């Protein structure tokens, strides 16, 4: 929302220069979203989904320090009514977010929805496994649209082996986009069926 209201470049300059009005804008946005969160809490939802896009292909959009200064305090305010009412928090972000994974967990996130390949499967295992439920966004840029059946099966097997456990904590989500051919969708479904009982 900050990007939509200020524009990307203006927002980056605001953060870097400690623009005094940025805090005021953030507080107004938080107040707006807090009303929505509180309404869902009143309705008795089980899970609150909080989407944001904080990452690029290989790094965060802003530094971890800037995230902790400008964004994380707002998340904590929005998460609090959920945590106070035993509502699980699911957090989505596209792009690389491993540098702030522990910040998100400490703020109260229960389910994290990261993209697999840009965050690197071993990094996800190190930062998230056993700390939060991993709702893994399966690759949609390389292997699923362009890979072979064997490569698709190998990807799903590696993710199940490295991120799953007998205790659970691993979900999958797959977005299928052009130019993914039908046979690759079939291979993905076949792999998910094959490895769903791995543990």
N, C-alpha and C. Protein backbone atom coordinates (compact mmCIF):
# COMPACT_ATOMS: atom_id res chain seq x y z
N UNK A 1 0.83 -1.20 0.00
CA UNK A 1 0.00 0.00 0.00
C UNK A 1 0.87 1.26 0.00
N UNK A 2 1.99 1.21 0.73
CA UNK A 2 2.91 2.36 0.71
C UNK A 2 3.41 2.63 -0.70
N UNK A 3 3.75 1.56 -1.41
CA UNK A 3 4.23 1.74 -2.79
C UNK A 3 3.14 2.33 -3.67
N UNK A 4 1.92 1.85 -3.50
CA UNK A 4 0.82 2.35 -4.34
C UNK A 4 0.58 3.83 -4.10
N UNK A 5 0.67 4.24 -2.84
CA UNK A 5 0.37 5.62 -2.50
C UNK A 5 1.53 6.59 -2.81
N UNK A 6 2.76 6.13 -2.61
CA UNK A 6 3.90 7.04 -2.79
C UNK A 6 4.65 6.82 -4.09
N UNK A 7 4.48 5.63 -4.68
CA UNK A 7 5.33 5.27 -5.81
C UNK A 7 6.62 4.67 -5.29
N UNK A 8 7.19 3.73 -6.04
CA UNK A 8 8.34 2.98 -5.54
C UNK A 8 9.54 3.88 -5.22
N UNK A 9 9.94 4.72 -6.17
CA UNK A 9 11.13 5.56 -5.95
C UNK A 9 10.93 6.52 -4.79
N UNK A 10 9.76 7.16 -4.72
CA UNK A 10 9.50 8.08 -3.61
C UNK A 10 9.56 7.37 -2.27
N UNK A 11 9.01 6.16 -2.22
CA UNK A 11 9.02 5.42 -0.97
C UNK A 11 10.44 5.06 -0.55
N UNK A 12 11.27 4.64 -1.49
CA UNK A 12 12.65 4.31 -1.16
C UNK A 12 13.39 5.54 -0.63
N UNK A 13 13.15 6.69 -1.24
CA UNK A 13 13.77 7.93 -0.78
C UNK A 13 13.25 8.31 0.61
N UNK A 14 11.93 8.15 0.81
CA UNK A 14 11.33 8.44 2.12
C UNK A 14 12.01 7.63 3.23
N UNK A 15 12.19 6.33 2.97
CA UNK A 15 12.80 5.46 3.98
C UNK A 15 14.26 5.84 4.21
N UNK A 16 14.97 6.08 3.13
CA UNK A 16 16.40 6.36 3.25
C UNK A 16 16.67 7.70 3.94
N UNK A 17 15.79 8.67 3.70
CA UNK A 17 16.01 10.02 4.26
C UNK A 17 15.25 10.25 5.56
N UNK A 18 14.59 9.20 6.07
CA UNK A 18 13.80 9.34 7.31
C UNK A 18 12.74 10.44 7.20
N UNK A 19 12.02 10.42 6.11
CA UNK A 19 10.96 11.40 5.89
C UNK A 19 9.98 11.38 7.07
N UNK A 20 9.80 12.50 7.79
CA UNK A 20 8.94 12.53 8.97
C UNK A 20 7.48 12.15 8.68
N UNK A 21 6.99 12.50 7.50
CA UNK A 21 5.59 12.21 7.18
C UNK A 21 5.34 10.73 6.88
N UNK A 22 6.42 9.96 6.67
CA UNK A 22 6.25 8.54 6.38
C UNK A 22 5.62 7.82 7.55
N UNK A 23 6.05 8.13 8.77
CA UNK A 23 5.45 7.51 9.95
C UNK A 23 3.95 7.78 10.02
N UNK A 24 3.58 9.01 9.70
CA UNK A 24 2.16 9.37 9.74
C UNK A 24 1.37 8.56 8.71
N UNK A 25 1.92 8.41 7.52
CA UNK A 25 1.26 7.63 6.49
C UNK A 25 1.14 6.17 6.91
N UNK A 26 2.22 5.62 7.46
CA UNK A 26 2.19 4.22 7.91
C UNK A 26 1.11 4.03 8.97
N UNK A 27 1.03 4.94 9.93
CA UNK A 27 0.02 4.83 10.99
C UNK A 27 -1.40 4.84 10.42
N UNK A 28 -1.63 5.65 9.40
CA UNK A 28 -2.96 5.70 8.78
C UNK A 28 -3.28 4.38 8.07
N UNK A 29 -2.29 3.82 7.39
CA UNK A 29 -2.50 2.55 6.71
C UNK A 29 -2.75 1.44 7.73
N UNK A 30 -1.97 1.41 8.79
CA UNK A 30 -2.15 0.39 9.83
C UNK A 30 -3.55 0.52 10.45
N UNK A 31 -3.96 1.75 10.75
CA UNK A 31 -5.29 1.97 11.34
C UNK A 31 -6.37 1.39 10.42
N UNK A 32 -6.24 1.65 9.13
CA UNK A 32 -7.22 1.14 8.14
C UNK A 32 -7.26 -0.39 8.16
N UNK A 33 -6.09 -1.02 8.06
CA UNK A 33 -6.04 -2.48 8.00
C UNK A 33 -6.39 -3.12 9.35
N UNK A 34 -6.09 -2.44 10.43
CA UNK A 34 -6.43 -2.97 11.75
C UNK A 34 -7.93 -3.13 11.90
N UNK A 35 -8.71 -2.22 11.35
CA UNK A 35 -10.17 -2.33 11.39
C UNK A 35 -10.63 -3.58 10.64
N UNK A 36 -9.99 -3.88 9.53
CA UNK A 36 -10.33 -5.08 8.76
C UNK A 36 -9.95 -6.33 9.55
N UNK A 37 -8.76 -6.34 10.12
CA UNK A 37 -8.31 -7.48 10.92
C UNK A 37 -9.27 -7.71 12.09
N UNK A 38 -9.62 -6.65 12.78
CA UNK A 38 -10.52 -6.78 13.94
C UNK A 38 -11.88 -7.33 13.53
N UNK A 39 -12.37 -6.96 12.36
CA UNK A 39 -13.66 -7.48 11.88
C UNK A 39 -13.57 -8.98 11.63
N UNK A 40 -12.45 -9.44 11.03
CA UNK A 40 -12.27 -10.88 10.82
C UNK A 40 -12.12 -11.62 12.14
N UNK A 41 -11.45 -10.99 13.10
CA UNK A 41 -11.34 -11.61 14.43
C UNK A 41 -12.73 -11.79 15.04
N UNK A 42 -13.57 -10.78 14.94
CA UNK A 42 -14.95 -10.87 15.43
C UNK A 42 -15.71 -12.00 14.76
N UNK A 43 -15.44 -12.23 13.49
CA UNK A 43 -16.13 -13.28 12.74
C UNK A 43 -15.66 -14.67 13.15
N UNK A 44 -14.53 -14.76 13.85
CA UNK A 44 -14.04 -16.05 14.35
C UNK A 44 -13.29 -16.88 13.33
N UNK A 45 -12.54 -16.22 12.45
CA UNK A 45 -11.76 -16.98 11.46
C UNK A 45 -10.68 -17.81 12.16
N UNK A 46 -10.23 -18.84 11.48
CA UNK A 46 -9.17 -19.71 12.03
C UNK A 46 -7.78 -19.25 11.61
N UNK A 47 -7.70 -18.71 10.39
CA UNK A 47 -6.41 -18.30 9.82
C UNK A 47 -6.58 -16.92 9.19
N UNK A 48 -5.62 -16.05 9.44
CA UNK A 48 -5.60 -14.73 8.81
C UNK A 48 -4.46 -14.73 7.79
N UNK A 49 -4.79 -14.47 6.54
CA UNK A 49 -3.78 -14.45 5.48
C UNK A 49 -3.29 -13.02 5.29
N UNK A 50 -1.97 -12.83 5.41
CA UNK A 50 -1.37 -11.50 5.27
C UNK A 50 -0.40 -11.52 4.09
N UNK A 51 -0.81 -10.99 2.94
CA UNK A 51 0.07 -11.01 1.77
C UNK A 51 0.90 -9.73 1.65
N UNK A 52 2.12 -9.90 1.19
CA UNK A 52 2.98 -8.77 0.87
C UNK A 52 4.04 -9.29 -0.11
N UNK A 53 4.69 -8.42 -0.82
CA UNK A 53 5.78 -8.84 -1.71
C UNK A 53 7.02 -8.05 -1.33
N UNK A 54 7.89 -8.69 -0.58
CA UNK A 54 9.06 -8.01 -0.01
C UNK A 54 10.36 -8.35 -0.73
N UNK A 55 10.31 -9.36 -1.60
CA UNK A 55 11.55 -9.84 -2.18
C UNK A 55 11.65 -9.69 -3.69
N UNK A 56 12.90 -9.67 -4.15
CA UNK A 56 13.20 -9.76 -5.57
C UNK A 56 13.77 -11.16 -5.81
N UNK A 57 14.36 -11.41 -6.94
CA UNK A 57 14.86 -12.75 -7.25
C UNK A 57 15.96 -13.21 -6.30
N UNK A 58 16.86 -12.28 -5.91
CA UNK A 58 18.02 -12.70 -5.12
C UNK A 58 18.20 -11.92 -3.82
N UNK A 59 17.31 -11.01 -3.52
CA UNK A 59 17.47 -10.20 -2.32
C UNK A 59 16.13 -9.58 -1.93
N UNK A 60 16.11 -8.98 -0.76
CA UNK A 60 14.96 -8.19 -0.36
C UNK A 60 14.89 -6.90 -1.17
N UNK A 61 13.71 -6.31 -1.24
CA UNK A 61 13.57 -5.02 -1.92
C UNK A 61 14.25 -3.93 -1.09
N UNK A 62 14.12 -4.02 0.23
CA UNK A 62 14.81 -3.10 1.13
C UNK A 62 15.69 -3.92 2.06
N UNK A 63 16.63 -3.28 2.72
CA UNK A 63 17.54 -4.01 3.60
C UNK A 63 16.77 -4.57 4.80
N UNK A 64 17.29 -5.61 5.44
CA UNK A 64 16.64 -6.12 6.66
C UNK A 64 16.49 -5.03 7.72
N UNK A 65 17.46 -4.13 7.80
CA UNK A 65 17.39 -3.05 8.80
C UNK A 65 16.23 -2.10 8.49
N UNK A 66 16.06 -1.75 7.22
CA UNK A 66 14.94 -0.91 6.82
C UNK A 66 13.62 -1.62 7.06
N UNK A 67 13.57 -2.92 6.78
CA UNK A 67 12.36 -3.70 7.05
C UNK A 67 12.00 -3.63 8.53
N UNK A 68 13.01 -3.84 9.38
CA UNK A 68 12.75 -3.84 10.83
C UNK A 68 12.34 -2.46 11.33
N UNK A 69 12.85 -1.43 10.71
CA UNK A 69 12.52 -0.07 11.14
C UNK A 69 11.15 0.37 10.66
N UNK A 70 10.83 0.15 9.38
CA UNK A 70 9.64 0.74 8.79
C UNK A 70 8.45 -0.20 8.66
N UNK A 71 8.69 -1.49 8.51
CA UNK A 71 7.60 -2.42 8.19
C UNK A 71 7.23 -3.34 9.35
N UNK A 72 8.22 -3.95 9.97
CA UNK A 72 7.95 -4.95 11.01
C UNK A 72 7.08 -4.44 12.15
N UNK A 73 7.27 -3.23 12.67
CA UNK A 73 6.39 -2.75 13.74
C UNK A 73 4.91 -2.74 13.35
N UNK A 74 4.63 -2.43 12.09
CA UNK A 74 3.25 -2.44 11.61
C UNK A 74 2.70 -3.86 11.57
N UNK A 75 3.52 -4.80 11.11
CA UNK A 75 3.09 -6.20 11.11
C UNK A 75 2.72 -6.63 12.53
N UNK A 76 3.55 -6.29 13.48
CA UNK A 76 3.28 -6.70 14.87
C UNK A 76 1.94 -6.16 15.36
N UNK A 77 1.63 -4.92 15.01
CA UNK A 77 0.34 -4.33 15.40
C UNK A 77 -0.82 -5.07 14.75
N UNK A 78 -0.65 -5.44 13.49
CA UNK A 78 -1.72 -6.14 12.78
C UNK A 78 -1.85 -7.60 13.22
N UNK A 79 -0.74 -8.20 13.62
CA UNK A 79 -0.77 -9.59 14.07
C UNK A 79 -1.36 -9.74 15.47
N UNK A 80 -1.21 -8.72 16.30
CA UNK A 80 -1.57 -8.83 17.73
C UNK A 80 -3.00 -9.29 17.98
N UNK A 81 -4.02 -8.70 17.32
CA UNK A 81 -5.37 -9.19 17.58
C UNK A 81 -5.55 -10.67 17.23
N UNK A 82 -4.82 -11.11 16.23
CA UNK A 82 -4.89 -12.53 15.84
C UNK A 82 -4.26 -13.40 16.92
N UNK A 83 -3.07 -13.02 17.35
CA UNK A 83 -2.38 -13.83 18.36
C UNK A 83 -3.16 -13.84 19.68
N UNK A 84 -3.78 -12.70 20.01
CA UNK A 84 -4.57 -12.61 21.24
C UNK A 84 -5.81 -13.51 21.21
N UNK A 85 -6.22 -13.91 20.00
CA UNK A 85 -7.43 -14.72 19.84
C UNK A 85 -7.15 -16.08 19.22
N UNK A 86 -5.90 -16.53 19.33
CA UNK A 86 -5.50 -17.86 18.84
C UNK A 86 -5.84 -18.09 17.36
N UNK A 87 -5.68 -17.06 16.56
CA UNK A 87 -5.87 -17.16 15.12
C UNK A 87 -4.50 -17.31 14.48
N UNK A 88 -4.35 -18.33 13.64
CA UNK A 88 -3.09 -18.54 12.96
C UNK A 88 -2.85 -17.44 11.93
N UNK A 89 -1.60 -17.07 11.76
CA UNK A 89 -1.23 -16.05 10.78
C UNK A 89 -0.45 -16.72 9.65
N UNK A 90 -0.98 -16.57 8.44
CA UNK A 90 -0.29 -17.05 7.25
C UNK A 90 0.26 -15.84 6.51
N UNK A 91 1.55 -15.90 6.19
CA UNK A 91 2.21 -14.76 5.54
C UNK A 91 2.76 -15.18 4.20
N UNK A 92 2.39 -14.43 3.16
CA UNK A 92 2.90 -14.69 1.81
C UNK A 92 3.85 -13.57 1.38
N UNK A 93 4.92 -13.94 0.73
CA UNK A 93 5.73 -12.96 0.02
C UNK A 93 6.39 -13.63 -1.17
N UNK A 94 6.31 -12.98 -2.31
CA UNK A 94 7.12 -13.40 -3.44
C UNK A 94 8.56 -12.97 -3.19
N UNK A 95 9.47 -13.62 -3.91
CA UNK A 95 10.87 -13.23 -3.88
C UNK A 95 11.63 -13.76 -2.67
N UNK A 96 12.88 -13.34 -2.60
CA UNK A 96 13.80 -13.81 -1.57
C UNK A 96 13.53 -13.10 -0.25
N UNK A 97 13.23 -13.89 0.81
CA UNK A 97 12.90 -13.30 2.12
C UNK A 97 13.62 -13.98 3.27
N UNK A 98 14.61 -14.82 3.00
CA UNK A 98 15.23 -15.59 4.07
C UNK A 98 15.90 -14.72 5.13
N UNK A 99 16.37 -13.53 4.76
CA UNK A 99 17.04 -12.67 5.73
C UNK A 99 16.10 -12.15 6.82
N UNK A 100 14.80 -12.21 6.58
CA UNK A 100 13.84 -11.71 7.57
C UNK A 100 12.90 -12.82 8.05
N UNK A 101 13.20 -14.07 7.70
CA UNK A 101 12.33 -15.19 8.08
C UNK A 101 12.15 -15.26 9.60
N UNK A 102 13.24 -15.13 10.34
CA UNK A 102 13.13 -15.21 11.81
C UNK A 102 12.37 -14.02 12.38
N UNK A 103 12.50 -12.85 11.76
CA UNK A 103 11.73 -11.68 12.20
C UNK A 103 10.24 -11.96 12.08
N UNK A 104 9.84 -12.58 10.97
CA UNK A 104 8.43 -12.88 10.75
C UNK A 104 7.92 -13.88 11.77
N UNK A 105 8.72 -14.90 12.04
CA UNK A 105 8.31 -15.91 13.02
C UNK A 105 8.20 -15.30 14.41
N UNK A 106 9.20 -14.50 14.79
CA UNK A 106 9.17 -13.85 16.10
C UNK A 106 7.99 -12.88 16.23
N UNK A 107 7.55 -12.31 15.11
CA UNK A 107 6.40 -11.38 15.13
C UNK A 107 5.08 -12.13 15.26
N UNK A 108 5.11 -13.46 15.03
CA UNK A 108 3.90 -14.24 15.23
C UNK A 108 3.41 -15.04 14.04
N UNK A 109 4.16 -15.07 12.95
CA UNK A 109 3.72 -15.82 11.77
C UNK A 109 3.79 -17.32 12.05
N UNK A 110 2.71 -18.02 11.73
CA UNK A 110 2.64 -19.47 11.94
C UNK A 110 2.87 -20.26 10.65
N UNK A 111 2.43 -19.68 9.53
CA UNK A 111 2.52 -20.33 8.22
C UNK A 111 3.20 -19.35 7.27
N UNK A 112 4.32 -19.77 6.68
CA UNK A 112 5.03 -18.88 5.75
C UNK A 112 4.96 -19.47 4.35
N UNK A 113 4.57 -18.63 3.39
CA UNK A 113 4.38 -19.04 2.00
C UNK A 113 5.49 -18.42 1.13
N UNK A 114 6.69 -19.08 1.12
CA UNK A 114 7.78 -18.56 0.28
C UNK A 114 7.83 -19.27 -1.07
N UNK A 115 8.48 -18.63 -2.02
CA UNK A 115 8.76 -19.29 -3.29
C UNK A 115 9.98 -20.20 -3.11
N UNK A 116 9.97 -21.32 -3.79
CA UNK A 116 11.00 -22.33 -3.52
C UNK A 116 12.38 -22.01 -4.07
N UNK A 117 12.54 -21.86 -5.36
CA UNK A 117 13.88 -21.79 -5.94
C UNK A 117 14.60 -20.48 -5.66
N UNK A 118 13.88 -19.35 -5.65
CA UNK A 118 14.60 -18.09 -5.41
C UNK A 118 15.07 -17.99 -3.96
N UNK A 119 14.40 -18.70 -3.03
CA UNK A 119 14.84 -18.71 -1.64
C UNK A 119 15.83 -19.85 -1.35
N UNK A 120 15.96 -20.78 -2.26
CA UNK A 120 16.84 -21.95 -2.18
C UNK A 120 16.31 -22.92 -1.11
N UNK A 121 16.07 -24.14 -1.53
CA UNK A 121 15.44 -25.13 -0.67
C UNK A 121 16.22 -25.35 0.62
N UNK A 122 17.56 -25.42 0.54
CA UNK A 122 18.37 -25.61 1.75
C UNK A 122 18.24 -24.42 2.70
N UNK A 123 18.14 -23.21 2.17
CA UNK A 123 17.94 -22.03 3.02
C UNK A 123 16.60 -22.09 3.74
N UNK A 124 15.56 -22.49 3.01
CA UNK A 124 14.23 -22.60 3.61
C UNK A 124 14.25 -23.63 4.74
N UNK A 125 14.93 -24.76 4.49
CA UNK A 125 15.04 -25.78 5.53
C UNK A 125 15.74 -25.24 6.77
N UNK A 126 16.83 -24.51 6.56
CA UNK A 126 17.61 -23.97 7.68
C UNK A 126 16.83 -22.91 8.46
N UNK A 127 16.13 -22.03 7.76
CA UNK A 127 15.48 -20.89 8.41
C UNK A 127 14.07 -21.18 8.93
N UNK A 128 13.35 -22.11 8.29
CA UNK A 128 11.94 -22.27 8.62
C UNK A 128 11.53 -23.63 9.18
N UNK A 129 12.22 -24.69 8.77
CA UNK A 129 11.76 -26.03 9.15
C UNK A 129 11.72 -26.19 10.67
N UNK A 130 10.57 -26.64 11.15
CA UNK A 130 10.39 -26.84 12.58
C UNK A 130 10.02 -25.58 13.35
N UNK A 131 10.06 -24.42 12.67
CA UNK A 131 9.74 -23.15 13.34
C UNK A 131 8.37 -22.62 12.91
N UNK A 132 7.99 -22.92 11.67
CA UNK A 132 6.71 -22.49 11.12
C UNK A 132 6.29 -23.51 10.08
N UNK A 133 5.00 -23.55 9.81
CA UNK A 133 4.52 -24.38 8.70
C UNK A 133 4.98 -23.72 7.41
N UNK A 134 5.55 -24.52 6.52
CA UNK A 134 6.02 -24.01 5.23
C UNK A 134 4.95 -24.32 4.19
N UNK A 135 4.34 -23.28 3.65
CA UNK A 135 3.38 -23.43 2.55
C UNK A 135 4.13 -23.06 1.28
N UNK A 136 4.78 -24.05 0.70
CA UNK A 136 5.77 -23.81 -0.35
C UNK A 136 5.13 -23.49 -1.69
N UNK A 137 5.55 -22.38 -2.26
CA UNK A 137 5.12 -21.97 -3.59
C UNK A 137 6.04 -22.65 -4.59
N UNK A 138 5.51 -23.63 -5.32
CA UNK A 138 6.32 -24.42 -6.24
C UNK A 138 6.74 -23.58 -7.44
N UNK A 139 7.98 -23.76 -7.83
CA UNK A 139 8.58 -23.04 -8.96
C UNK A 139 7.62 -22.88 -10.13
N UNK A 140 7.51 -21.66 -10.63
CA UNK A 140 6.66 -21.40 -11.79
C UNK A 140 7.45 -20.74 -12.91
N UNK A 141 8.78 -20.60 -12.71
CA UNK A 141 9.58 -19.88 -13.70
C UNK A 141 10.48 -20.78 -14.54
N UNK A 142 10.93 -21.90 -13.97
CA UNK A 142 11.91 -22.72 -14.68
C UNK A 142 11.44 -24.15 -14.87
N UNK A 143 11.47 -24.93 -13.78
CA UNK A 143 11.28 -26.37 -13.89
C UNK A 143 9.84 -26.73 -14.27
N UNK A 144 8.85 -26.15 -13.62
CA UNK A 144 7.48 -26.53 -13.93
C UNK A 144 7.10 -26.14 -15.37
N UNK A 145 7.40 -24.95 -15.85
CA UNK A 145 7.02 -24.65 -17.24
C UNK A 145 7.93 -25.28 -18.30
N UNK A 146 9.22 -25.48 -17.97
CA UNK A 146 10.17 -25.88 -19.02
C UNK A 146 10.87 -27.21 -18.75
N UNK A 147 10.72 -27.77 -17.57
CA UNK A 147 11.46 -28.97 -17.22
C UNK A 147 10.85 -30.25 -17.79
N UNK A 148 11.60 -31.33 -17.61
CA UNK A 148 11.12 -32.66 -18.01
C UNK A 148 10.31 -33.25 -16.86
N UNK A 149 9.60 -34.35 -17.16
CA UNK A 149 8.85 -35.06 -16.12
C UNK A 149 9.79 -35.48 -14.99
N UNK A 150 10.97 -35.96 -15.35
CA UNK A 150 11.95 -36.40 -14.36
C UNK A 150 12.39 -35.23 -13.46
N UNK A 151 12.66 -34.08 -14.07
CA UNK A 151 13.09 -32.91 -13.29
C UNK A 151 11.99 -32.43 -12.35
N UNK A 152 10.76 -32.49 -12.79
CA UNK A 152 9.64 -32.09 -11.93
C UNK A 152 9.51 -33.04 -10.75
N UNK A 153 9.62 -34.33 -11.00
CA UNK A 153 9.55 -35.33 -9.91
C UNK A 153 10.72 -35.13 -8.94
N UNK A 154 11.90 -34.87 -9.47
CA UNK A 154 13.07 -34.67 -8.60
C UNK A 154 12.92 -33.43 -7.73
N UNK A 155 12.34 -32.37 -8.28
CA UNK A 155 12.12 -31.15 -7.50
C UNK A 155 11.18 -31.42 -6.33
N UNK A 156 10.05 -32.05 -6.60
CA UNK A 156 9.07 -32.31 -5.54
C UNK A 156 9.65 -33.27 -4.51
N UNK A 157 10.38 -34.28 -4.95
CA UNK A 157 10.99 -35.21 -4.00
C UNK A 157 11.99 -34.49 -3.09
N UNK A 158 12.83 -33.64 -3.68
CA UNK A 158 13.81 -32.91 -2.87
C UNK A 158 13.11 -32.03 -1.84
N UNK A 159 12.05 -31.36 -2.24
CA UNK A 159 11.34 -30.47 -1.33
C UNK A 159 10.67 -31.24 -0.21
N UNK A 160 10.08 -32.37 -0.53
CA UNK A 160 9.44 -33.20 0.51
C UNK A 160 10.50 -33.74 1.46
N UNK A 161 11.61 -34.24 0.92
CA UNK A 161 12.66 -34.80 1.76
C UNK A 161 13.27 -33.76 2.69
N UNK A 162 13.56 -32.58 2.15
CA UNK A 162 14.29 -31.57 2.93
C UNK A 162 13.40 -30.71 3.83
N UNK A 163 12.15 -30.53 3.44
CA UNK A 163 11.29 -29.61 4.18
C UNK A 163 10.20 -30.30 4.99
N UNK A 164 9.88 -31.53 4.65
CA UNK A 164 8.85 -32.26 5.37
C UNK A 164 9.41 -33.06 6.53
N UNK A 165 8.53 -33.66 7.29
CA UNK A 165 8.94 -34.53 8.39
C UNK A 165 7.72 -35.35 8.81
N UNK A 166 7.91 -36.38 9.63
CA UNK A 166 6.75 -37.14 10.11
C UNK A 166 5.78 -36.28 10.91
N UNK A 167 6.26 -35.17 11.46
CA UNK A 167 5.39 -34.28 12.24
C UNK A 167 4.60 -33.32 11.36
N UNK A 168 4.90 -33.29 10.06
CA UNK A 168 4.18 -32.39 9.15
C UNK A 168 4.89 -31.06 9.02
N UNK A 169 4.10 -30.02 8.78
CA UNK A 169 4.66 -28.69 8.65
C UNK A 169 5.02 -28.29 7.24
N UNK A 170 4.53 -29.04 6.24
CA UNK A 170 4.81 -28.69 4.85
C UNK A 170 3.53 -28.79 4.03
N UNK A 171 3.23 -27.71 3.33
CA UNK A 171 2.13 -27.68 2.36
C UNK A 171 2.72 -27.25 1.02
N UNK A 172 1.97 -27.51 -0.04
CA UNK A 172 2.38 -27.05 -1.37
C UNK A 172 1.29 -26.19 -1.98
N UNK A 173 1.71 -25.20 -2.74
CA UNK A 173 0.78 -24.43 -3.55
C UNK A 173 1.43 -24.24 -4.91
N UNK A 174 0.65 -24.44 -5.97
CA UNK A 174 1.21 -24.37 -7.32
C UNK A 174 0.38 -23.42 -8.17
N UNK A 175 1.03 -22.40 -8.69
CA UNK A 175 0.40 -21.52 -9.67
C UNK A 175 0.88 -21.92 -11.05
N UNK A 176 -0.05 -22.17 -11.93
CA UNK A 176 0.31 -22.62 -13.29
C UNK A 176 0.08 -21.46 -14.25
N UNK A 177 1.14 -21.08 -14.96
CA UNK A 177 1.08 -19.94 -15.86
C UNK A 177 1.63 -20.31 -17.23
N UNK A 178 1.18 -19.63 -18.29
CA UNK A 178 1.76 -19.87 -19.61
C UNK A 178 3.26 -19.61 -19.55
N UNK A 179 4.07 -20.38 -20.26
CA UNK A 179 3.73 -21.35 -21.29
C UNK A 179 3.73 -22.80 -20.79
N UNK A 180 3.38 -23.06 -19.53
CA UNK A 180 3.43 -24.42 -18.99
C UNK A 180 2.54 -25.36 -19.81
N UNK A 181 3.13 -26.43 -20.38
CA UNK A 181 2.33 -27.36 -21.19
C UNK A 181 1.53 -28.31 -20.30
N UNK A 182 0.42 -28.85 -20.80
CA UNK A 182 -0.41 -29.77 -20.02
C UNK A 182 0.35 -30.97 -19.45
N UNK A 183 1.32 -31.47 -20.23
CA UNK A 183 2.06 -32.64 -19.75
C UNK A 183 2.90 -32.31 -18.51
N UNK A 184 3.33 -31.07 -18.36
CA UNK A 184 4.07 -30.69 -17.16
C UNK A 184 3.15 -30.53 -15.96
N UNK A 185 1.94 -30.09 -16.20
CA UNK A 185 0.94 -30.03 -15.13
C UNK A 185 0.64 -31.46 -14.67
N UNK A 186 0.51 -32.36 -15.61
CA UNK A 186 0.27 -33.77 -15.29
C UNK A 186 1.43 -34.34 -14.48
N UNK A 187 2.66 -34.01 -14.88
CA UNK A 187 3.84 -34.50 -14.15
C UNK A 187 3.87 -33.96 -12.73
N UNK A 188 3.50 -32.70 -12.56
CA UNK A 188 3.46 -32.10 -11.22
C UNK A 188 2.42 -32.79 -10.36
N UNK A 189 1.23 -33.00 -10.89
CA UNK A 189 0.17 -33.67 -10.12
C UNK A 189 0.60 -35.09 -9.76
N UNK A 190 1.22 -35.77 -10.70
CA UNK A 190 1.70 -37.13 -10.46
C UNK A 190 2.75 -37.14 -9.35
N UNK A 191 3.67 -36.18 -9.37
CA UNK A 191 4.72 -36.11 -8.34
C UNK A 191 4.11 -35.80 -6.97
N UNK A 192 3.16 -34.90 -6.92
CA UNK A 192 2.52 -34.57 -5.64
C UNK A 192 1.78 -35.78 -5.08
N UNK A 193 1.10 -36.52 -5.96
CA UNK A 193 0.43 -37.75 -5.50
C UNK A 193 1.46 -38.77 -5.00
N UNK A 194 2.55 -38.90 -5.74
CA UNK A 194 3.56 -39.91 -5.41
C UNK A 194 4.21 -39.64 -4.05
N UNK A 195 4.51 -38.37 -3.76
CA UNK A 195 5.28 -38.06 -2.56
C UNK A 195 4.44 -37.58 -1.38
N UNK A 196 3.10 -37.57 -1.55
CA UNK A 196 2.27 -37.10 -0.44
C UNK A 196 2.31 -38.03 0.77
N UNK A 197 2.68 -39.30 0.55
CA UNK A 197 2.79 -40.23 1.68
C UNK A 197 4.24 -40.60 1.98
N UNK A 198 5.16 -39.78 1.53
CA UNK A 198 6.60 -40.05 1.72
C UNK A 198 6.93 -40.27 3.19
N UNK A 199 6.37 -39.41 4.06
CA UNK A 199 6.69 -39.51 5.48
C UNK A 199 5.75 -40.47 6.20
